[in-house]
C-alpha cells in the first residue's frame, strides 16, 4: 500500500485538472508537455522534457521523453531517448503498456519493460515483464490479480504472484481477502505473505468505521501470534484526526507503537500530517516525519513541505486557467546551507469546449485534492439533470457513477475508502478525466 507522501505526490505531480479529448487521430494529439530543469549548487541544466499524446477518448496513447545532451538551457541539444506506448482493446480497456529506450546517437529502439492487462467478468490482472538483451526476449516479472466486486458480493480478493523461471510457472507471493457485511462495510481483511509464511487478520468493529474505525490486528509469523489494536478518532470540531497502533501483550497490557495525527483547516482541507513512534527508552513520541500543505483560495496546493528526516519543499505555480505551470522542488542538505533544486515547467495545447459544458476556458478544475468529504468543480456549467460521472480505482474498476447536480457542482465522497481514484465526466461523446485522493 502506498504511503501518504507517495500518494499525495502522485496527484501533485500529475495535473489535477481536466482536459477535453483530442479530435484528430494520426500519431496522436499533443495535449501536454513538461520541461524539467535541475539546479545544483553551481549551475543550471535542462534535464528532460516530455510530450504526452492522447487518443480520441482522452486516453494516454504515447509519452515521448527527450534528454538534453549539452546540459545547458540555451542552446539545447534534445534527443528522443525514451518512449512509452499504450494500447487498448476493442472495449477501450488498457491492453498493454510498453516502454522503450535508445542512446543519444538515436539508434534503433530497444525494449525495456512492459505491462500487460487481462480482463474477465470476475477478475482483472496486470503482468509485468522486462526485456532480456542476452536472449532478446521478454522475461516475466510480477503479476497482480484483482477480483471485480459486484454490489451483491460479500468478498473481494487481491493476489500478487512472481514468475519462477526454474519451475516455469507463476507462484503466489501476497494475498488479500476482504469480507463484507450486509450493510456494505468491511468485516475483516486477511493478508497472507507466502514468502515469509505469515498472516495478518484485521477485524473491524461493528460501528461506522468511516469515523470510528476501531480494528484488531492478529499478526501470525509461523506459530507466534501478535495482537495489535488500531484506533482512529476525530476531535469534536473535526480539526484533528488521531490514529494509534497499540500492541496487546500476553498479560493483557497495552504497549504504544505508532501514532499519526492530521490537522485540517476551516474548509476541512488537510494542512499537516505527523508520524511518530513511541520510545520506551525516553517515554515519549519520536517524530518520524512531518508534512504540511498550503493552499490558495481555490483549494489548489501551492506548497508542500516535508520537514523530516530531511528538509524538502515543493512549490506550485498555476496559470490563469488554474492549471499547473511550474513546480519547484527543493532539497536541503542537513546542517548546511547548500541545496539542490529541480524545476518542472508545464505547457498545454488548448482545444475548444462547448460553452454549455465548461465555459470559455476549456478546462474543468477539481478541488480540494486530497479531499475527505466533497470534491468541487470550477469552470463547469450544467443544464437540466447535470453531467454524468464515473469514479474508478487505479486499476480501472468502476466504483460509483451518478450525476453532478447543476445547483451545487460537487460530489460527496465520504463513503469512499481512503485511496487514489480516477474520475471521468462525460456529456454526449466528449469525456474529461482526472485523479483525486480520498483520505
Protein backbone atom coordinates (compact mmCIF):
# COMPACT_ATOMS: atom_id res chain seq x y z
CA UNK A 1 0.00 0.00 0.00
CA UNK A 2 1.33 3.47 -0.88
CA UNK A 3 2.31 5.90 1.82
CA UNK A 4 0.57 9.22 2.29
CA UNK A 5 3.54 11.09 0.82
CA UNK A 6 3.76 8.96 -2.32
CA UNK A 7 0.03 9.12 -2.87
CA UNK A 8 -0.02 12.88 -2.41
CA UNK A 9 2.89 13.49 -4.76
CA UNK A 10 1.21 11.28 -7.35
CA UNK A 11 -1.65 13.74 -7.55
CA UNK A 12 0.50 16.86 -7.28
CA UNK A 13 2.95 15.79 -9.98
CA UNK A 14 0.13 14.79 -12.31
CA UNK A 15 -2.11 17.65 -13.39
CA UNK A 16 -5.19 17.75 -11.18
CA UNK A 17 -7.31 19.48 -13.80
CA UNK A 18 -9.30 18.16 -16.74
CA UNK A 19 -8.85 18.48 -20.48
CA UNK A 20 -11.03 17.73 -23.47
CA UNK A 21 -10.13 14.71 -25.57
CA UNK A 22 -8.44 15.29 -28.94
CA UNK A 23 -10.31 15.24 -32.23
CA UNK A 24 -7.68 14.08 -34.68
CA UNK A 25 -6.14 10.64 -34.86
CA UNK A 26 -2.85 10.38 -36.77
CA UNK A 27 0.03 9.58 -34.42
CA UNK A 28 -1.85 11.07 -31.51
CA UNK A 29 -2.75 14.51 -30.27
CA UNK A 30 -0.20 16.56 -28.35
CA UNK A 31 -2.00 17.82 -25.27
CA UNK A 32 0.54 18.44 -22.51
CA UNK A 33 4.30 18.78 -22.22
CA UNK A 34 6.72 19.03 -19.30
CA UNK A 35 10.20 20.59 -19.20
CA UNK A 36 12.44 19.52 -16.33
CA UNK A 37 15.32 21.69 -15.16
CA UNK A 38 17.86 20.83 -12.47
CA UNK A 39 19.75 23.42 -10.45
CA UNK A 40 22.58 22.11 -8.32
CA UNK A 41 24.97 24.20 -6.27
CA UNK A 42 26.81 25.74 -9.21
CA UNK A 43 24.86 25.65 -12.47
CA UNK A 44 21.53 25.06 -14.14
CA UNK A 45 20.97 22.31 -16.68
CA UNK A 46 17.98 21.28 -18.72
CA UNK A 47 17.48 17.65 -17.82
CA UNK A 48 14.49 16.33 -19.67
CA UNK A 49 11.28 17.20 -21.49
CA UNK A 50 8.26 15.03 -22.10
CA UNK A 51 5.35 15.13 -24.53
CA UNK A 52 2.01 13.44 -23.87
CA UNK A 53 -0.27 12.26 -26.65
CA UNK A 54 -3.90 11.14 -26.31
CA UNK A 55 -6.41 9.25 -28.43
CA UNK A 56 -9.97 10.31 -29.23
CA UNK A 57 -11.25 9.07 -25.86
CA UNK A 58 -8.71 11.19 -23.94
CA UNK A 59 -6.75 8.05 -23.05
CA UNK A 60 -2.97 8.36 -22.94
CA UNK A 61 -1.52 6.93 -26.14
CA UNK A 62 2.16 7.86 -26.18
CA UNK A 63 4.71 9.56 -23.92
CA UNK A 64 7.90 10.84 -25.56
CA UNK A 65 10.90 11.67 -23.34
CA UNK A 66 13.77 13.79 -24.60
CA UNK A 67 17.18 14.16 -22.93
CA UNK A 68 19.45 17.19 -23.32
CA UNK A 69 22.97 16.21 -24.29
CA UNK A 70 24.64 19.57 -23.68
CA UNK A 71 23.32 20.06 -20.16
CA UNK A 72 22.51 23.77 -20.60
CA UNK A 73 19.25 25.52 -21.48
CA UNK A 74 20.46 27.52 -24.48
CA UNK A 75 21.32 26.15 -26.90
CA UNK A 76 19.89 22.75 -26.02
CA UNK A 77 20.53 19.56 -27.98
CA UNK A 78 17.48 17.41 -27.48
CA UNK A 79 17.46 13.71 -28.26
CA UNK A 80 14.43 11.45 -28.20
CA UNK A 81 15.69 8.69 -25.89
CA UNK A 82 12.59 7.11 -24.29
CA UNK A 83 9.02 6.35 -25.28
CA UNK A 84 6.05 4.63 -23.70
CA UNK A 85 3.26 3.26 -25.90
CA UNK A 86 -0.23 2.43 -24.62
CA UNK A 87 -2.55 0.00 -26.44
CA UNK A 88 -6.27 -0.63 -25.84
CA UNK A 89 -8.67 -3.44 -26.71
CA UNK A 90 -11.95 -3.13 -28.64
CA UNK A 91 -13.72 -2.21 -25.38
CA UNK A 92 -11.34 0.71 -24.75
CA UNK A 93 -9.63 -1.08 -21.86
CA UNK A 94 -5.88 -0.78 -21.41
CA UNK A 95 -4.30 -3.85 -23.03
CA UNK A 96 -0.55 -3.20 -22.79
CA UNK A 97 1.98 -0.53 -21.85
CA UNK A 98 5.43 -0.90 -23.47
CA UNK A 99 8.48 1.18 -22.50
CA UNK A 100 11.41 1.50 -24.95
CA UNK A 101 14.67 3.46 -24.95
CA UNK A 102 17.74 4.30 -27.05
CA UNK A 103 21.03 6.18 -26.74
CA UNK A 104 21.84 9.76 -27.79
CA UNK A 105 23.07 8.52 -31.18
CA UNK A 106 19.40 7.73 -31.95
CA UNK A 107 19.96 4.16 -33.00
CA UNK A 108 17.22 1.56 -33.12
CA UNK A 109 14.80 1.32 -30.20
CA UNK A 110 15.33 -1.35 -27.54
CA UNK A 111 12.55 -2.71 -25.33
CA UNK A 112 12.98 -2.12 -21.60
CA UNK A 113 9.85 -3.30 -19.76
CA UNK A 114 6.11 -3.70 -20.29
CA UNK A 115 2.80 -4.34 -18.55
CA UNK A 116 0.02 -6.48 -19.97
CA UNK A 117 -3.60 -6.45 -18.78
CA UNK A 118 -6.29 -9.13 -18.97
CA UNK A 119 -9.98 -8.91 -18.06
CA UNK A 120 -12.87 -11.26 -17.36
CA UNK A 121 -16.32 -10.96 -15.78
CA UNK A 122 -14.95 -11.71 -12.31
CA UNK A 123 -11.32 -10.51 -12.31
CA UNK A 124 -8.62 -8.46 -13.99
CA UNK A 125 -4.85 -8.84 -13.95
CA UNK A 126 -1.67 -6.88 -14.62
CA UNK A 127 1.55 -8.72 -15.51
CA UNK A 128 4.99 -7.13 -15.83
CA UNK A 129 7.95 -8.27 -17.92
CA UNK A 130 11.41 -6.97 -18.74
CA UNK A 131 13.45 -7.29 -21.92
CA UNK A 132 16.48 -9.58 -21.57
CA UNK A 133 19.20 -8.47 -24.01
CA UNK A 134 21.10 -11.75 -23.62
CA UNK A 135 18.28 -13.77 -25.17
CA UNK A 136 16.42 -10.92 -26.94
CA UNK A 137 13.13 -11.90 -25.40
CA UNK A 138 10.68 -10.90 -22.68
CA UNK A 139 11.15 -12.35 -19.19
CA UNK A 140 8.16 -12.47 -16.84
CA UNK A 141 8.27 -10.45 -13.62
CA UNK A 142 5.25 -9.94 -11.35
CA UNK A 143 1.51 -10.44 -11.77
CA UNK A 144 -1.32 -8.84 -9.78
CA UNK A 145 -4.86 -10.26 -9.93
CA UNK A 146 -7.88 -8.34 -8.63
CA UNK A 147 -11.39 -9.70 -8.29
CA UNK A 148 -14.14 -7.45 -9.65
CA UNK A 149 -16.55 -6.90 -6.81
CA UNK A 150 -20.25 -6.58 -7.61
CA UNK A 151 -22.61 -4.77 -5.20
CA UNK A 152 -24.09 -8.08 -4.06
CA UNK A 153 -20.70 -9.75 -3.45
CA UNK A 154 -19.60 -10.33 0.14
CA UNK A 155 -15.95 -10.99 -0.68
CA UNK A 156 -13.15 -9.32 -2.63
CA UNK A 157 -9.62 -10.62 -3.22
CA UNK A 158 -6.21 -9.49 -4.46
CA UNK A 159 -3.32 -11.82 -5.36
CA UNK A 160 0.27 -10.99 -6.28
CA UNK A 161 2.44 -13.61 -7.96
CA UNK A 162 6.03 -13.85 -9.18
CA UNK A 163 7.38 -15.85 -12.09
CA UNK A 164 9.53 -18.83 -11.09
CA UNK A 165 11.76 -19.37 -14.10
CA UNK A 166 13.09 -22.70 -12.85
CA UNK A 167 9.61 -24.11 -12.26
CA UNK A 168 8.22 -22.35 -15.34
CA UNK A 169 5.09 -21.09 -13.56
CA UNK A 170 3.53 -18.23 -11.62
CA UNK A 171 3.77 -18.71 -7.85
CA UNK A 172 1.89 -16.90 -5.08
CA UNK A 173 3.62 -14.19 -3.05
CA UNK A 174 0.93 -12.00 -1.38
CA UNK A 175 -2.82 -12.42 -0.95
CA UNK A 176 -5.54 -10.13 0.43
CA UNK A 177 -9.05 -11.39 1.11
CA UNK A 178 -11.70 -8.84 2.18
CA UNK A 179 -15.05 -9.89 3.66
CA UNK A 180 -18.03 -7.51 3.80
CA UNK A 181 -21.12 -7.27 5.96
CA UNK A 182 -24.70 -7.00 4.73
CA UNK A 183 -24.56 -3.20 5.10
CA UNK A 184 -21.55 -3.00 2.77
CA UNK A 185 -18.95 -2.23 5.45
CA UNK A 186 -15.76 -4.27 5.74
CA UNK A 187 -15.95 -7.06 8.29
CA UNK A 188 -12.38 -8.36 8.09
CA UNK A 189 -9.27 -8.50 5.92
CA UNK A 190 -6.88 -11.44 5.78
CA UNK A 191 -3.37 -10.71 4.46
CA UNK A 192 -1.08 -13.65 3.70
CA UNK A 193 2.62 -13.41 2.85
CA UNK A 194 3.59 -16.76 1.32
CA UNK A 195 7.26 -15.83 1.19
CA UNK A 196 7.50 -15.08 4.94
CA UNK A 197 4.91 -17.67 5.95
CA UNK A 198 2.98 -15.00 7.87
CA UNK A 199 -0.67 -13.95 8.22
CA UNK A 200 -2.34 -10.75 9.35
CA UNK A 201 -6.05 -10.72 10.10
CA UNK A 202 -7.76 -7.35 10.57
CA UNK A 203 -11.14 -7.34 12.33
CA UNK A 204 -13.25 -4.18 12.15
CA UNK A 205 -15.70 -3.15 14.83
CA UNK A 206 -19.47 -3.10 14.39
CA UNK A 207 -19.72 0.69 14.13
CA UNK A 208 -19.41 3.03 11.19
CA UNK A 209 -15.64 2.89 10.79
CA UNK A 210 -15.67 5.86 8.42
CA UNK A 211 -15.32 7.93 11.59
CA UNK A 212 -14.52 5.37 14.33
CA UNK A 213 -12.56 2.56 12.66
CA UNK A 214 -11.51 0.57 15.74
CA UNK A 215 -9.75 -2.51 14.39
CA UNK A 216 -7.96 -5.52 15.78
CA UNK A 217 -4.87 -6.92 14.05
CA UNK A 218 -3.74 -10.50 14.64
CA UNK A 219 -0.27 -10.98 13.18
CA UNK A 220 1.00 -14.54 12.91
CA UNK A 221 4.57 -15.33 11.98
CA UNK A 222 4.90 -19.10 11.99
CA UNK A 223 3.25 -20.15 15.25
CA UNK A 224 3.83 -16.87 17.17
CA UNK A 225 0.77 -14.59 17.05
CA UNK A 226 0.92 -10.90 17.96
CA UNK A 227 -2.19 -8.82 18.56
CA UNK A 228 -2.48 -5.09 17.80
CA UNK A 229 -5.26 -2.59 18.42
CA UNK A 230 -5.88 0.19 15.91
CA UNK A 231 -7.86 3.29 16.86
CA UNK A 232 -8.85 6.37 14.85
CA UNK A 233 -10.90 9.27 16.14
CA UNK A 234 -11.58 12.94 15.39
CA UNK A 235 -11.96 15.92 17.68
CA UNK A 236 -15.47 17.34 18.06
CA UNK A 237 -14.79 20.20 15.64
CA UNK A 238 -13.16 17.79 13.11
CA UNK A 239 -10.00 19.90 13.10
CA UNK A 240 -7.76 17.00 14.22
CA UNK A 241 -7.57 13.30 13.48
CA UNK A 242 -5.63 10.85 15.68
CA UNK A 243 -4.58 7.37 14.66
CA UNK A 244 -2.91 4.94 17.07
CA UNK A 245 -1.44 1.45 16.77
CA UNK A 246 -1.16 -0.35 20.13
CA UNK A 247 0.17 -3.82 20.83
CA UNK A 248 -1.75 -6.07 23.22
CA UNK A 249 0.68 -8.19 25.26
CA UNK A 250 0.02 -11.73 26.51
CA UNK A 251 -0.71 -10.39 30.00
CA UNK A 252 -3.38 -8.06 28.61
CA UNK A 253 -1.35 -4.86 29.00
CA UNK A 254 -1.21 -2.32 26.16
CA UNK A 255 2.02 -1.02 24.61
CA UNK A 256 2.14 2.10 22.41
CA UNK A 257 3.63 1.53 18.97
CA UNK A 258 2.81 4.19 16.36
CA UNK A 259 0.83 7.43 16.09
CA UNK A 260 -0.25 9.59 13.18
CA UNK A 261 -2.02 12.93 13.51
CA UNK A 262 -3.69 15.07 10.85
CA UNK A 263 -4.75 18.70 11.13
CA UNK A 264 -7.42 20.38 8.98
CA UNK A 265 -8.32 23.99 8.28
CA UNK A 266 -11.79 25.57 8.35
CA UNK A 267 -12.51 24.19 4.86
CA UNK A 268 -11.62 20.67 6.10
CA UNK A 269 -8.55 20.58 3.87
CA UNK A 270 -5.57 18.64 5.17
CA UNK A 271 -2.82 21.07 6.29
CA UNK A 272 -0.46 18.87 8.33
CA UNK A 273 0.32 15.21 8.93
CA UNK A 274 2.76 13.89 11.54
CA UNK A 275 4.01 10.34 12.07
CA UNK A 276 5.75 9.20 15.27
CA UNK A 277 7.00 6.05 17.02
CA UNK A 278 6.79 5.53 20.78
CA UNK A 279 10.14 5.27 22.55
CA UNK A 280 10.14 3.09 25.66
CA UNK A 281 13.59 4.43 26.47
CA UNK A 282 12.61 8.12 26.54
CA UNK A 283 8.90 7.54 27.24
CA UNK A 284 7.82 9.95 24.53
CA UNK A 285 6.77 10.05 20.88
CA UNK A 286 9.73 10.27 18.46
CA UNK A 287 8.73 12.04 15.24
CA UNK A 288 9.47 10.19 12.00
CA UNK A 289 8.26 12.87 9.61
CA UNK A 290 6.03 15.93 9.47
CA UNK A 291 4.32 17.04 6.26
CA UNK A 292 2.38 20.26 5.71
CA UNK A 293 0.39 21.79 2.86
CA UNK A 294 -0.52 25.37 1.95
CA UNK A 295 -3.44 26.12 -0.38
CA UNK A 296 -4.63 29.09 -2.39
CA UNK A 297 -8.21 30.37 -2.24
CA UNK A 298 -9.36 27.76 -4.79
CA UNK A 299 -8.02 24.83 -2.80
CA UNK A 300 -5.01 24.22 -5.05
CA UNK A 301 -1.82 23.21 -3.24
CA UNK A 302 0.84 25.92 -3.62
CA UNK A 303 3.42 24.50 -1.20
CA UNK A 304 4.16 21.03 0.16
CA UNK A 305 6.73 20.74 2.97
CA UNK A 306 8.42 17.55 4.16
CA UNK A 307 10.14 18.53 7.37
CA UNK A 308 11.75 15.27 8.46
CA UNK A 309 14.10 13.48 8.25
CA UNK A 310 15.44 15.96 5.65
CA UNK A 311 14.12 19.36 4.66
CA UNK A 312 12.21 19.11 1.39
CA UNK A 313 9.88 21.66 -0.15
CA UNK A 314 7.81 21.75 -3.32
CA UNK A 315 6.26 24.99 -4.62
CA UNK A 316 3.47 25.01 -7.21
CA UNK A 317 2.51 27.83 -9.58
CA UNK A 318 -0.62 27.95 -11.76
CA UNK A 319 -1.57 29.84 -14.90
CA UNK A 320 -4.67 31.98 -15.49
CA UNK A 321 -6.74 28.84 -16.13
CA UNK A 322 -5.65 27.36 -12.77
CA UNK A 323 -3.50 24.74 -14.48
CA UNK A 324 -0.13 23.76 -13.06
CA UNK A 325 2.54 25.69 -14.96
CA UNK A 326 5.61 25.31 -12.74
CA UNK A 327 6.75 23.07 -9.91
CA UNK A 328 9.91 23.84 -7.94
CA UNK A 329 11.38 21.10 -5.78
CA UNK A 330 13.98 21.96 -3.11
CA UNK A 331 16.17 19.58 -1.12
CA UNK A 332 18.27 20.97 1.75
CA UNK A 333 21.41 19.22 2.87
CA UNK A 334 21.42 18.57 6.65
CA UNK A 335 23.44 21.05 8.73
CA UNK A 336 24.49 23.09 5.69
CA UNK A 337 23.20 26.00 3.64
CA UNK A 338 23.58 24.06 0.40
CA UNK A 339 20.56 22.93 -1.53
CA UNK A 340 19.58 21.33 -4.80
CA UNK A 341 16.57 22.38 -6.83
CA UNK A 342 14.60 20.91 -9.69
CA UNK A 343 12.18 22.96 -11.82
CA UNK A 344 9.36 21.50 -13.87
CA UNK A 345 7.55 23.61 -16.49
CA UNK A 346 4.16 22.51 -17.85
CA UNK A 347 2.56 23.66 -21.12
CA UNK A 348 -0.79 22.73 -22.66
CA UNK A 349 -2.42 22.61 -26.07
CA UNK A 350 -5.91 24.06 -25.79
CA UNK A 351 -8.97 22.85 -27.67
CA UNK A 352 -12.46 24.28 -27.88
CA UNK A 353 -15.10 23.01 -25.47
CA UNK A 354 -18.84 23.74 -25.85
CA UNK A 355 -19.81 26.61 -23.55
CA UNK A 356 -22.70 24.57 -22.13
CA UNK A 357 -20.15 22.17 -20.71
CA UNK A 358 -17.21 24.10 -19.33
CA UNK A 359 -17.37 27.78 -20.22
CA UNK A 360 -14.73 29.68 -22.15
CA UNK A 361 -11.53 28.39 -20.58
CA UNK A 362 -11.84 24.88 -21.97
CA UNK A 363 -10.80 23.40 -18.60
CA UNK A 364 -12.56 21.93 -15.60
CA UNK A 365 -10.91 22.23 -12.19
CA UNK A 366 -11.30 19.74 -9.32
CA UNK A 367 -10.58 20.83 -5.74
CA UNK A 368 -9.57 20.34 -2.96
CA UNK A 369 -7.18 17.49 -3.62
CA UNK A 370 -6.74 15.48 -1.36
CA UNK A 371 -10.34 15.63 -0.10
CA UNK A 372 -12.26 13.99 2.74
CA UNK A 373 -15.94 14.90 2.29
CA UNK A 374 -16.60 16.61 -1.06
CA UNK A 375 -14.82 17.36 -4.32
CA UNK A 376 -15.89 20.55 -6.12
CA UNK A 377 -15.69 21.62 -9.74
CA UNK A 378 -14.81 25.04 -11.11
CA UNK A 379 -15.50 26.32 -14.66
CA UNK A 380 -18.32 23.86 -15.21
CA UNK A 381 -21.84 24.69 -16.34
CA UNK A 382 -24.59 22.09 -16.21
CA UNK A 383 -28.08 22.08 -17.62
CA UNK A 384 -31.22 20.14 -16.75
CA UNK A 385 -30.15 16.95 -14.97
CA UNK A 386 -26.45 17.84 -14.88
CA UNK A 387 -23.42 15.89 -16.15
CA UNK A 388 -22.83 12.19 -15.64
CA UNK A 389 -19.68 10.97 -13.90
CA UNK A 390 -17.92 7.70 -13.12
CA UNK A 391 -15.34 7.03 -10.38
CA UNK A 392 -12.77 4.23 -10.81
CA UNK A 393 -9.93 2.87 -8.72
CA UNK A 394 -6.43 2.98 -10.24
CA UNK A 395 -6.92 -0.46 -11.83
CA UNK A 396 -9.88 0.88 -13.80
CA UNK A 397 -12.53 -0.92 -11.75
CA UNK A 398 -15.79 1.10 -11.56
CA UNK A 399 -16.57 2.27 -8.02
CA UNK A 400 -19.51 4.65 -8.41
CA UNK A 401 -21.47 6.57 -11.03
CA UNK A 402 -24.02 9.36 -10.90
CA UNK A 403 -24.72 12.91 -12.00
CA UNK A 404 -23.25 16.26 -10.95
CA UNK A 405 -26.19 18.41 -9.96
CA UNK A 406 -26.48 21.80 -11.60
CA UNK A 407 -27.25 23.59 -8.33
CA UNK A 408 -24.15 22.60 -6.32
CA UNK A 409 -21.40 21.30 -8.69
CA UNK A 410 -19.86 18.86 -6.20
CA UNK A 411 -19.71 15.14 -5.41
CA UNK A 412 -19.82 13.70 -1.90
CA UNK A 413 -17.05 11.12 -1.35
CA UNK A 414 -17.39 10.47 2.40
CA UNK A 415 -18.29 6.80 1.86
CA UNK A 416 -15.27 6.04 -0.33
CA UNK A 417 -12.45 4.03 1.22
CA UNK A 418 -9.30 6.24 1.54
CA UNK A 419 -7.06 5.93 -1.51
CA UNK A 420 -6.40 7.15 -5.06
CA UNK A 421 -9.23 7.38 -7.59
CA UNK A 422 -9.87 8.33 -11.21
CA UNK A 423 -12.97 10.30 -12.22
CA UNK A 424 -14.49 10.65 -15.68
CA UNK A 425 -17.07 13.31 -16.58
CA UNK A 426 -18.96 12.86 -19.83
CA UNK A 427 -21.57 14.60 -21.95
CA UNK A 428 -22.68 13.18 -25.28
CA UNK A 429 -19.49 11.91 -26.97
CA UNK A 430 -16.98 14.02 -25.02
CA UNK A 431 -15.10 12.95 -21.89
CA UNK A 432 -12.93 14.54 -19.19
CA UNK A 433 -10.75 12.54 -16.82
CA UNK A 434 -8.68 13.29 -13.73
CA UNK A 435 -7.38 11.99 -10.40
CA UNK A 436 -8.11 12.71 -6.76
CA UNK A 437 -7.20 11.32 -3.32
CA UNK A 438 -9.75 10.40 -0.64
CA UNK A 439 -8.26 10.45 2.86
